[in-house]
C-alpha atoms as a PDB file:
ATOM      1  CA  MET A   1      84.172 -28.383  25.707  1.00  0.00           C
ATOM      2  CA  LEU A   2      82.068 -25.100  25.543  1.00  0.00           C
ATOM      3  CA  ILE A   3      79.484 -24.412  28.359  1.00  0.00           C
ATOM      4  CA  ILE A   4      75.842 -22.517  27.604  1.00  0.00           C
ATOM      5  CA  ASN A   5      73.657 -21.490  29.971  1.00  0.00           C
ATOM      6  CA  PRO A   6      69.829 -20.713  29.405  1.00  0.00           C
ATOM      7  CA  ILE A   7      69.977 -17.467  28.087  1.00  0.00           C
ATOM      8  CA  ILE A   8      72.386 -18.179  25.667  1.00  0.00           C
ATOM      9  CA  TYR A   9      70.367 -21.100  24.585  1.00  0.00           C
ATOM     10  CA  THR A  10      67.267 -18.529  24.416  1.00  0.00           C
ATOM     11  CA  GLU A  11      69.759 -16.304  21.979  1.00  0.00           C
ATOM     12  CA  ILE A  12      70.393 -18.849  19.812  1.00  0.00           C
ATOM     13  CA  SER A  13      67.022 -20.300  19.354  1.00  0.00           C
ATOM     14  CA  ILE A  14      65.856 -17.466  17.805  1.00  0.00           C
ATOM     15  CA  SER A  15      67.344 -18.458  14.564  1.00  0.00           C
ATOM     16  CA  PHE A  16      65.804 -21.656  14.388  1.00  0.00           C
ATOM     17  CA  LYS A  17      62.292 -22.888  13.682  1.00  0.00           C
ATOM     18  CA  ASN A  18      61.808 -26.055  15.853  1.00  0.00           C
ATOM     19  CA  ILE A  19      64.084 -27.154  18.911  1.00  0.00           C
ATOM     20  CA  GLU A  20      65.335 -30.378  17.087  1.00  0.00           C
ATOM     21  CA  ASP A  21      67.037 -28.439  14.660  1.00  0.00           C
ATOM     22  CA  LEU A  22      68.635 -26.216  17.541  1.00  0.00           C
ATOM     23  CA  GLU A  23      69.610 -29.549  19.410  1.00  0.00           C
ATOM     24  CA  ASP A  24      71.326 -30.431  16.323  1.00  0.00           C
ATOM     25  CA  ILE A  25      73.705 -28.098  16.075  1.00  0.00           C
ATOM     26  CA  LEU A  26      74.241 -27.910  20.151  1.00  0.00           C
ATOM     27  CA  PRO A  27      75.039 -31.462  20.780  1.00  0.00           C
ATOM     28  CA  ALA A  28      75.824 -32.242  24.411  1.00  0.00           C
ATOM     29  CA  SER A  29      78.893 -33.905  23.354  1.00  0.00           C
ATOM     30  CA  PHE A  30      80.421 -30.393  22.853  1.00  0.00           C
ATOM     31  CA  PHE A  31      78.334 -27.991  24.304  1.00  0.00           C
ATOM     32  CA  LYS A  32      77.688 -28.329  28.314  1.00  0.00           C
ATOM     33  CA  ARG A  33      74.225 -26.904  29.518  1.00  0.00           C
ATOM     34  CA  GLU A  34      74.836 -25.166  32.584  1.00  0.00           C
ATOM     35  CA  GLU A  35      72.462 -23.276  34.998  1.00  0.00           C
ATOM     36  CA  ILE A  36      73.541 -19.660  36.218  1.00  0.00           C
ATOM     37  CA  PRO A  37      74.724 -19.726  39.982  1.00  0.00           C
ATOM     38  CA  TYR A  38      72.559 -17.507  42.102  1.00  0.00           C
ATOM     39  CA  GLU A  39      75.833 -15.719  42.805  1.00  0.00           C
ATOM     40  CA  ALA A  40      75.970 -15.053  39.183  1.00  0.00           C
ATOM     41  CA  CYS A  41      72.454 -13.770  39.258  1.00  0.00           C
ATOM     42  CA  PHE A  42      73.475 -11.521  42.528  1.00  0.00           C
ATOM     43  CA  LEU A  43      76.323  -9.821  40.341  1.00  0.00           C
ATOM     44  CA  ALA A  44      74.384  -9.370  37.334  1.00  0.00           C
ATOM     45  CA  GLY A  45      71.758  -7.403  39.290  1.00  0.00           C
ATOM     46  CA  LYS A  46      75.161  -5.437  40.550  1.00  0.00           C
ATOM     47  CA  ALA A  47      76.329  -4.903  37.044  1.00  0.00           C
ATOM     48  CA  PHE A  48      72.983  -3.865  36.009  1.00  0.00           C
ATOM     49  CA  LYS A  49      72.657  -1.237  38.966  1.00  0.00           C
ATOM     50  CA  LYS A  50      75.934   0.245  37.702  1.00  0.00           C
ATOM     51  CA  TYR A  51      74.903   0.342  33.829  1.00  0.00           C
ATOM     52  CA  LYS A  52      71.782   2.073  35.198  1.00  0.00           C
ATOM     53  CA  GLU A  53      74.070   4.743  37.064  1.00  0.00           C
ATOM     54  CA  ARG A  54      76.025   5.283  34.038  1.00  0.00           C
ATOM     55  CA  LEU A  55      72.200   6.426  32.388  1.00  0.00           C
ATOM     56  CA  GLY A  56      71.513   2.838  30.939  1.00  0.00           C
ATOM     57  CA  THR A  57      68.265   3.058  29.155  1.00  0.00           C
ATOM     58  CA  LYS A  58      67.004  -0.484  29.894  1.00  0.00           C
ATOM     59  CA  ASN A  59      64.335  -1.126  32.734  1.00  0.00           C
ATOM     60  CA  SER A  60      65.339  -4.889  33.071  1.00  0.00           C
ATOM     61  CA  THR A  61      68.474  -6.711  33.618  1.00  0.00           C
ATOM     62  CA  LEU A  62      70.204  -7.189  30.109  1.00  0.00           C
ATOM     63  CA  PRO A  63      71.138 -11.112  29.036  1.00  0.00           C
ATOM     64  CA  ASP A  64      74.506  -9.908  28.723  1.00  0.00           C
ATOM     65  CA  PHE A  65      74.643  -9.635  32.355  1.00  0.00           C
ATOM     66  CA  PHE A  66      73.872 -12.817  33.352  1.00  0.00           C
ATOM     67  CA  ILE A  67      76.153 -14.156  30.768  1.00  0.00           C
ATOM     68  CA  GLY A  68      78.956 -12.202  31.958  1.00  0.00           C
ATOM     69  CA  ALA A  69      78.440 -12.829  35.309  1.00  0.00           C
ATOM     70  CA  HIS A  70      78.121 -16.750  35.146  1.00  0.00           C
ATOM     71  CA  ALA A  71      81.551 -16.550  33.417  1.00  0.00           C
ATOM     72  CA  ALA A  72      83.097 -14.158  36.145  1.00  0.00           C
ATOM     73  CA  VAL A  73      81.213 -16.454  39.140  1.00  0.00           C
ATOM     74  CA  LYS A  74      82.836 -19.754  37.633  1.00  0.00           C
ATOM     75  CA  GLY A  75      86.151 -18.569  36.385  1.00  0.00           C
ATOM     76  CA  TYR A  76      85.289 -19.210  32.695  1.00  0.00           C
ATOM     77  CA  SER A  77      86.556 -17.484  29.352  1.00  0.00           C
ATOM     78  CA  LEU A  78      83.821 -15.878  27.383  1.00  0.00           C
ATOM     79  CA  LEU A  79      83.625 -16.019  23.451  1.00  0.00           C
ATOM     80  CA  THR A  80      82.179 -12.522  22.262  1.00  0.00           C
ATOM     81  CA  ARG A  81      82.357  -9.641  19.717  1.00  0.00           C
ATOM     82  CA  ASP A  82      80.774  -7.319  22.442  1.00  0.00           C
ATOM     83  CA  THR A  83      84.515  -6.487  24.009  1.00  0.00           C
ATOM     84  CA  LYS A  84      83.524  -3.062  25.574  1.00  0.00           C
ATOM     85  CA  ASN A  85      80.839  -3.854  27.707  1.00  0.00           C
ATOM     86  CA  TYR A  86      82.147  -7.256  29.041  1.00  0.00           C
ATOM     87  CA  LYS A  87      85.392  -5.359  29.954  1.00  0.00           C
ATOM     88  CA  SER A  88      83.808  -2.822  31.687  1.00  0.00           C
ATOM     89  CA  TYR A  89      81.164  -4.405  33.923  1.00  0.00           C
ATOM     90  CA  PHE A  90      83.089  -7.978  34.334  1.00  0.00           C
ATOM     91  CA  PRO A  91      86.763  -6.860  34.215  1.00  0.00           C
ATOM     92  CA  THR A  92      87.915 -10.274  35.689  1.00  0.00           C
ATOM     93  CA  VAL A  93      86.696 -12.589  32.551  1.00  0.00           C
ATOM     94  CA  LYS A  94      89.014 -13.528  30.140  1.00  0.00           C
ATOM     95  CA  LEU A  95      87.532 -12.580  26.479  1.00  0.00           C
ATOM     96  CA  ILE A  96      88.218 -14.826  23.392  1.00  0.00           C
ATOM     97  CA  TYR A  97      87.227 -12.554  20.466  1.00  0.00           C
ATOM     98  CA  PRO A  98      87.739 -12.391  16.694  1.00  0.00           C
ATOM     99  CA  GLN A  99      90.099  -9.955  15.723  1.00  0.00           C
ATOM    100  CA  LEU A 100      88.284  -7.952  12.824  1.00  0.00           C
END
């Protein structure tokens, strides 16, 4: 079973015209929906602060910080193509990624 949170759901939704089509590809039998814990939000803020200290240019917390922090706090592995940033900001998270 794969776990998605509201941030992931939002990012996936961009490709769909209506919610019914999105729901069809994210069946509850395969995708568990989970809220982001407050501990993860705290960690996302700390990661964003580190990003800004490294001269990051964004002015609001990036979705990837919430996703990475959620995985870190819950001890989940993370499926991603963006290994560089996740390794940098969430070194304890086990990453699953395609070998290109």
